[in-house]
N, C-alpha and C. Protein backbone atom coordinates (compact mmCIF):
# COMPACT_ATOMS: atom_id res chain seq x y z
N GLN A 1 72.63 148.48 96.89
CA GLN A 1 71.68 149.57 96.69
C GLN A 1 71.14 149.51 95.27
N VAL A 2 69.82 149.61 95.17
CA VAL A 2 69.18 149.55 93.86
C VAL A 2 69.38 150.85 93.11
N GLN A 3 69.79 150.73 91.85
CA GLN A 3 69.89 151.89 90.97
C GLN A 3 69.16 151.60 89.68
N LEU A 4 68.40 152.58 89.23
CA LEU A 4 67.62 152.45 88.00
C LEU A 4 67.93 153.65 87.11
N VAL A 5 68.30 153.38 85.87
CA VAL A 5 68.67 154.45 84.94
C VAL A 5 67.87 154.30 83.66
N GLU A 6 67.00 155.27 83.40
CA GLU A 6 66.16 155.24 82.21
C GLU A 6 66.87 155.89 81.02
N SER A 7 66.47 155.46 79.84
CA SER A 7 66.95 156.07 78.60
C SER A 7 65.92 155.78 77.50
N GLY A 8 66.08 156.47 76.36
CA GLY A 8 65.24 156.18 75.22
C GLY A 8 64.13 157.19 74.95
N GLY A 9 63.99 158.16 75.83
CA GLY A 9 62.97 159.17 75.61
C GLY A 9 63.33 160.07 74.43
N GLY A 10 62.37 160.89 74.02
CA GLY A 10 62.63 161.79 72.92
C GLY A 10 61.34 162.44 72.45
N SER A 11 61.42 163.07 71.27
CA SER A 11 60.27 163.74 70.69
C SER A 11 59.85 163.01 69.43
N VAL A 12 58.56 162.71 69.33
CA VAL A 12 58.02 162.04 68.16
C VAL A 12 56.69 162.67 67.80
N GLN A 13 56.26 162.40 66.58
CA GLN A 13 54.95 162.86 66.16
C GLN A 13 53.88 161.85 66.55
N SER A 14 52.67 162.34 66.63
CA SER A 14 51.54 161.47 66.95
C SER A 14 51.51 160.28 65.99
N GLY A 15 51.31 159.09 66.55
CA GLY A 15 51.31 157.87 65.77
C GLY A 15 52.65 157.17 65.73
N GLY A 16 53.69 157.83 66.22
CA GLY A 16 55.03 157.28 66.20
C GLY A 16 55.27 156.30 67.33
N SER A 17 56.51 155.81 67.40
CA SER A 17 56.89 154.81 68.40
C SER A 17 58.19 155.21 69.08
N LEU A 18 58.33 154.74 70.31
CA LEU A 18 59.57 154.88 71.06
C LEU A 18 59.73 153.64 71.92
N ARG A 19 60.98 153.30 72.24
CA ARG A 19 61.23 152.23 73.20
C ARG A 19 62.08 152.79 74.33
N LEU A 20 61.54 152.72 75.53
CA LEU A 20 62.26 153.15 76.71
C LEU A 20 63.00 151.96 77.32
N SER A 21 64.17 152.24 77.90
CA SER A 21 64.95 151.23 78.59
C SER A 21 65.23 151.67 80.01
N CYS A 22 65.34 150.70 80.91
CA CYS A 22 65.70 150.98 82.30
C CYS A 22 66.75 149.96 82.71
N ALA A 23 67.98 150.44 82.87
CA ALA A 23 69.08 149.57 83.30
C ALA A 23 69.07 149.50 84.82
N ALA A 24 68.95 148.27 85.34
CA ALA A 24 68.84 148.07 86.78
C ALA A 24 70.11 147.45 87.34
N SER A 25 70.53 147.91 88.51
CA SER A 25 71.66 147.31 89.21
C SER A 25 71.30 147.21 90.69
N GLY A 26 71.97 146.30 91.39
CA GLY A 26 71.70 146.13 92.80
C GLY A 26 70.47 145.29 93.09
N LEU A 27 69.93 144.65 92.07
CA LEU A 27 68.77 143.79 92.26
C LEU A 27 68.79 142.69 91.23
N THR A 28 68.01 141.66 91.50
CA THR A 28 67.76 140.59 90.54
C THR A 28 66.33 140.77 90.05
N GLN A 29 66.18 141.12 88.78
CA GLN A 29 64.87 141.49 88.27
C GLN A 29 63.81 140.41 88.50
N SER A 30 64.23 139.17 88.44
CA SER A 30 63.25 138.09 88.59
C SER A 30 62.65 138.04 89.98
N SER A 31 63.29 138.71 90.95
CA SER A 31 62.79 138.74 92.32
C SER A 31 62.12 140.05 92.67
N TYR A 32 61.85 140.86 91.66
CA TYR A 32 61.26 142.17 91.87
C TYR A 32 60.04 142.36 90.98
N TYR A 33 59.18 143.26 91.41
CA TYR A 33 58.18 143.85 90.51
C TYR A 33 58.86 145.08 89.91
N MET A 34 58.72 145.21 88.60
CA MET A 34 59.27 146.36 87.90
C MET A 34 58.12 147.07 87.18
N ALA A 35 58.21 148.39 87.12
CA ALA A 35 57.09 149.13 86.55
C ALA A 35 57.55 150.42 85.88
N TRP A 36 56.70 150.91 85.01
CA TRP A 36 56.87 152.24 84.41
C TRP A 36 55.74 153.13 84.91
N PHE A 37 56.12 154.33 85.31
CA PHE A 37 55.17 155.37 85.69
C PHE A 37 55.43 156.58 84.80
N ARG A 38 54.47 157.49 84.80
CA ARG A 38 54.67 158.74 84.07
C ARG A 38 54.01 159.89 84.81
N GLN A 39 54.57 161.07 84.58
CA GLN A 39 54.02 162.26 85.22
C GLN A 39 54.06 163.42 84.25
N ALA A 40 52.89 163.93 83.91
CA ALA A 40 52.77 165.10 83.05
C ALA A 40 52.75 166.34 83.94
N PRO A 41 53.12 167.50 83.39
CA PRO A 41 53.13 168.73 84.18
C PRO A 41 51.77 168.99 84.82
N GLY A 42 51.78 169.26 86.12
CA GLY A 42 50.55 169.57 86.82
C GLY A 42 49.68 168.39 87.16
N LYS A 43 50.17 167.18 86.88
CA LYS A 43 49.37 165.98 87.14
C LYS A 43 50.11 165.05 88.10
N GLU A 44 49.33 164.12 88.68
CA GLU A 44 49.90 163.13 89.57
C GLU A 44 50.69 162.09 88.76
N ARG A 45 51.68 161.47 89.41
CA ARG A 45 52.40 160.38 88.77
C ARG A 45 51.47 159.17 88.71
N GLU A 46 51.39 158.57 87.54
CA GLU A 46 50.47 157.45 87.35
C GLU A 46 51.19 156.22 86.82
N GLY A 47 50.70 155.06 87.22
CA GLY A 47 51.25 153.80 86.74
C GLY A 47 50.86 153.55 85.30
N VAL A 48 51.81 153.10 84.50
CA VAL A 48 51.58 152.83 83.09
C VAL A 48 51.55 151.32 82.84
N ALA A 49 52.57 150.62 83.31
CA ALA A 49 52.67 149.18 83.09
C ALA A 49 53.59 148.59 84.14
N ALA A 50 53.33 147.33 84.51
CA ALA A 50 54.15 146.64 85.50
C ALA A 50 54.32 145.19 85.09
N ILE A 51 55.41 144.57 85.60
CA ILE A 51 55.72 143.19 85.24
C ILE A 51 56.45 142.53 86.39
N ASP A 52 56.33 141.19 86.48
CA ASP A 52 57.11 140.47 87.48
C ASP A 52 57.98 139.42 86.80
N GLY A 53 58.76 138.73 87.59
CA GLY A 53 59.70 137.77 87.06
C GLY A 53 59.07 136.56 86.40
N ASP A 54 57.77 136.36 86.66
CA ASP A 54 57.03 135.26 86.01
C ASP A 54 56.41 135.69 84.70
N GLY A 55 56.61 136.97 84.34
CA GLY A 55 56.07 137.48 83.09
C GLY A 55 54.65 138.00 83.18
N ARG A 56 54.09 138.03 84.39
CA ARG A 56 52.74 138.59 84.54
C ARG A 56 52.85 140.10 84.36
N THR A 57 51.87 140.65 83.65
CA THR A 57 51.88 142.08 83.36
C THR A 57 50.56 142.73 83.78
N ASN A 58 50.61 144.03 83.87
CA ASN A 58 49.43 144.82 84.20
C ASN A 58 49.60 146.16 83.50
N TYR A 59 48.55 146.63 82.83
CA TYR A 59 48.62 147.88 82.08
C TYR A 59 47.51 148.82 82.50
N ALA A 60 47.81 150.10 82.45
CA ALA A 60 46.76 151.10 82.61
C ALA A 60 45.86 151.04 81.37
N GLY A 61 44.58 151.31 81.59
CA GLY A 61 43.63 151.22 80.49
C GLY A 61 43.98 152.13 79.32
N SER A 62 44.58 153.29 79.62
CA SER A 62 44.87 154.27 78.59
C SER A 62 45.98 153.84 77.63
N VAL A 63 46.76 152.82 78.00
CA VAL A 63 47.87 152.39 77.15
C VAL A 63 47.72 150.95 76.68
N LYS A 64 46.73 150.24 77.18
CA LYS A 64 46.56 148.83 76.83
C LYS A 64 46.37 148.69 75.33
N GLY A 65 47.12 147.78 74.73
CA GLY A 65 47.05 147.57 73.29
C GLY A 65 48.03 148.42 72.50
N ARG A 66 48.61 149.42 73.16
CA ARG A 66 49.58 150.29 72.48
C ARG A 66 50.99 150.14 73.06
N PHE A 67 51.09 149.90 74.36
CA PHE A 67 52.38 149.79 75.04
C PHE A 67 52.61 148.33 75.44
N THR A 68 53.90 147.94 75.43
CA THR A 68 54.28 146.59 75.86
C THR A 68 55.47 146.69 76.80
N ILE A 69 55.33 146.11 78.00
CA ILE A 69 56.42 146.07 78.96
C ILE A 69 57.09 144.71 78.88
N SER A 70 58.43 144.71 79.02
CA SER A 70 59.15 143.44 78.96
C SER A 70 60.43 143.53 79.78
N LEU A 71 60.94 142.34 80.14
CA LEU A 71 62.16 142.22 80.92
C LEU A 71 63.20 141.43 80.14
N ASP A 72 64.46 141.87 80.22
CA ASP A 72 65.58 141.07 79.75
C ASP A 72 66.40 140.75 80.99
N ASN A 73 66.16 139.59 81.57
CA ASN A 73 66.82 139.25 82.83
C ASN A 73 68.32 139.10 82.67
N ALA A 74 68.76 138.66 81.49
CA ALA A 74 70.20 138.49 81.27
C ALA A 74 70.91 139.84 81.31
N GLN A 75 70.25 140.87 80.78
CA GLN A 75 70.82 142.21 80.76
C GLN A 75 70.38 143.06 81.94
N ASN A 76 69.50 142.51 82.78
CA ASN A 76 68.93 143.27 83.90
C ASN A 76 68.36 144.60 83.42
N THR A 77 67.57 144.52 82.35
CA THR A 77 67.01 145.72 81.74
C THR A 77 65.50 145.55 81.56
N LEU A 78 64.80 146.63 81.86
CA LEU A 78 63.35 146.70 81.68
C LEU A 78 63.08 147.57 80.45
N TYR A 79 62.09 147.18 79.66
CA TYR A 79 61.74 147.93 78.46
C TYR A 79 60.28 148.34 78.48
N LEU A 80 60.00 149.42 77.74
CA LEU A 80 58.61 149.80 77.46
C LEU A 80 58.55 150.19 75.99
N GLN A 81 57.93 149.33 75.19
CA GLN A 81 57.71 149.63 73.78
C GLN A 81 56.41 150.41 73.67
N MET A 82 56.50 151.61 73.11
CA MET A 82 55.33 152.48 73.02
C MET A 82 55.02 152.71 71.54
N ASN A 83 53.86 152.26 71.11
CA ASN A 83 53.42 152.43 69.73
C ASN A 83 52.17 153.30 69.69
N SER A 84 51.86 153.81 68.52
CA SER A 84 50.67 154.64 68.32
C SER A 84 50.60 155.75 69.37
N LEU A 85 51.70 156.43 69.55
CA LEU A 85 51.77 157.45 70.58
C LEU A 85 50.83 158.61 70.30
N LYS A 86 50.30 159.17 71.38
CA LYS A 86 49.36 160.29 71.30
C LYS A 86 49.93 161.47 72.08
N PRO A 87 49.47 162.67 71.77
CA PRO A 87 49.96 163.84 72.53
C PRO A 87 49.74 163.70 74.03
N GLU A 88 48.67 163.02 74.43
CA GLU A 88 48.41 162.85 75.86
C GLU A 88 49.37 161.87 76.53
N ASP A 89 50.23 161.22 75.76
CA ASP A 89 51.28 160.37 76.34
C ASP A 89 52.50 161.19 76.75
N THR A 90 52.50 162.46 76.41
CA THR A 90 53.62 163.34 76.77
C THR A 90 53.77 163.42 78.28
N ALA A 91 54.96 163.10 78.78
CA ALA A 91 55.22 163.07 80.21
C ALA A 91 56.67 162.70 80.47
N MET A 92 57.08 162.82 81.73
CA MET A 92 58.33 162.24 82.17
C MET A 92 58.02 160.80 82.57
N TYR A 93 58.79 159.87 82.06
CA TYR A 93 58.56 158.47 82.34
C TYR A 93 59.63 157.96 83.31
N TYR A 94 59.16 157.25 84.35
CA TYR A 94 60.02 156.77 85.41
C TYR A 94 59.95 155.25 85.51
N CYS A 95 61.10 154.65 85.77
CA CYS A 95 61.20 153.24 86.07
C CYS A 95 61.14 153.07 87.59
N ALA A 96 60.49 152.01 88.06
CA ALA A 96 60.36 151.78 89.49
C ALA A 96 60.48 150.29 89.79
N ALA A 97 60.86 149.99 91.03
CA ALA A 97 61.02 148.60 91.43
C ALA A 97 60.69 148.41 92.90
N VAL A 98 60.24 147.21 93.23
CA VAL A 98 60.02 146.85 94.62
C VAL A 98 60.24 145.34 94.73
N ALA A 99 60.87 144.92 95.83
CA ALA A 99 61.18 143.51 96.02
C ALA A 99 59.91 142.69 96.20
N ARG A 100 59.92 141.53 95.63
CA ARG A 100 58.77 140.62 95.68
C ARG A 100 58.91 139.72 96.92
N VAL A 101 58.79 140.34 98.08
CA VAL A 101 58.95 139.63 99.34
C VAL A 101 57.81 139.97 100.28
N GLY A 102 57.66 139.16 101.33
CA GLY A 102 56.64 139.42 102.33
C GLY A 102 55.25 139.39 101.72
N PHE A 103 54.42 140.34 102.13
CA PHE A 103 53.04 140.37 101.64
C PHE A 103 53.00 140.64 100.14
N ARG A 104 54.02 141.30 99.61
CA ARG A 104 54.04 141.59 98.17
C ARG A 104 54.19 140.32 97.34
N ALA A 105 54.74 139.27 97.93
CA ALA A 105 54.86 138.02 97.21
C ALA A 105 53.50 137.38 96.95
N MET A 106 52.46 137.89 97.64
CA MET A 106 51.12 137.34 97.49
C MET A 106 50.30 138.06 96.44
N TRP A 107 50.85 139.11 95.84
CA TRP A 107 50.08 139.84 94.83
C TRP A 107 49.67 138.88 93.72
N LYS A 108 48.44 139.04 93.28
CA LYS A 108 47.94 138.20 92.18
C LYS A 108 48.38 138.75 90.83
N ALA A 109 48.81 140.00 90.83
CA ALA A 109 49.32 140.61 89.60
C ALA A 109 50.18 141.80 90.01
N PRO A 110 51.14 142.21 89.17
CA PRO A 110 51.93 143.40 89.50
C PRO A 110 51.00 144.61 89.62
N ARG A 111 51.30 145.48 90.57
CA ARG A 111 50.42 146.61 90.83
C ARG A 111 50.94 147.90 90.21
N LEU A 112 50.06 148.86 90.06
CA LEU A 112 50.39 150.13 89.42
C LEU A 112 50.27 151.32 90.37
N ALA A 113 50.15 151.06 91.66
CA ALA A 113 50.04 152.15 92.62
C ALA A 113 51.42 152.68 92.98
N ARG A 114 51.58 153.98 92.90
CA ARG A 114 52.87 154.60 93.16
C ARG A 114 53.43 154.25 94.53
N TYR A 115 52.59 154.21 95.54
CA TYR A 115 53.07 154.01 96.91
C TYR A 115 53.62 152.62 97.15
N GLU A 116 53.35 151.68 96.23
CA GLU A 116 53.84 150.32 96.40
C GLU A 116 55.33 150.18 96.05
N TYR A 117 55.90 151.15 95.35
CA TYR A 117 57.27 151.03 94.83
C TYR A 117 58.21 151.92 95.64
N ASN A 118 59.41 151.40 95.91
CA ASN A 118 60.33 152.15 96.77
C ASN A 118 61.69 152.45 96.14
N SER A 119 61.87 152.09 94.89
CA SER A 119 63.10 152.46 94.17
C SER A 119 62.69 153.12 92.86
N TRP A 120 63.33 154.23 92.55
CA TRP A 120 62.92 155.02 91.39
C TRP A 120 64.15 155.50 90.62
N GLY A 121 63.96 155.60 89.30
CA GLY A 121 64.97 156.23 88.47
C GLY A 121 64.74 157.73 88.38
N GLN A 122 65.58 158.41 87.59
CA GLN A 122 65.50 159.87 87.47
C GLN A 122 64.52 160.31 86.38
N GLY A 123 64.14 159.40 85.52
CA GLY A 123 63.15 159.73 84.51
C GLY A 123 63.74 160.04 83.14
N THR A 124 62.92 159.85 82.12
CA THR A 124 63.28 160.21 80.75
C THR A 124 62.04 160.85 80.10
N GLN A 125 62.27 161.96 79.40
CA GLN A 125 61.15 162.74 78.86
C GLN A 125 60.67 162.19 77.53
N VAL A 126 59.37 162.07 77.42
CA VAL A 126 58.72 161.69 76.16
C VAL A 126 57.79 162.82 75.76
N THR A 127 57.95 163.33 74.54
CA THR A 127 57.11 164.40 74.03
C THR A 127 56.51 163.98 72.70
N VAL A 128 55.18 164.01 72.62
CA VAL A 128 54.48 163.61 71.41
C VAL A 128 53.74 164.82 70.86
N SER A 129 54.05 165.19 69.64
CA SER A 129 53.42 166.35 69.03
C SER A 129 52.33 165.92 68.05
N SER A 130 51.32 166.75 67.93
CA SER A 130 50.19 166.41 67.05
C SER A 130 50.46 166.84 65.61
């Protein structure tokens, strides 16, 4: 059974940095798509960044150039380095995973659609103050 546990959230001022971690068990990261999503109060959960075992990445336009997603396959851990944080980045951040099998193995890039992922962590809160 896949388990995902996020950590690293916190409160920072605008312009600051945070690094989120997602410890994964029950899967081999290189055979999965892994992603970060976020959900602000009153808003839909949105994809932030995704990565696959080949190192292909995909970013939401709002974070491109500021956030970096990475995998440590030896530690089975997913990271999200967040720099130049803005108040609008305030949200609960979730780690997600889906196996890279069947039709999903044909994706040309990791996807950011919530419905594509079937394993989720409990989330870690990020708050950015102005």
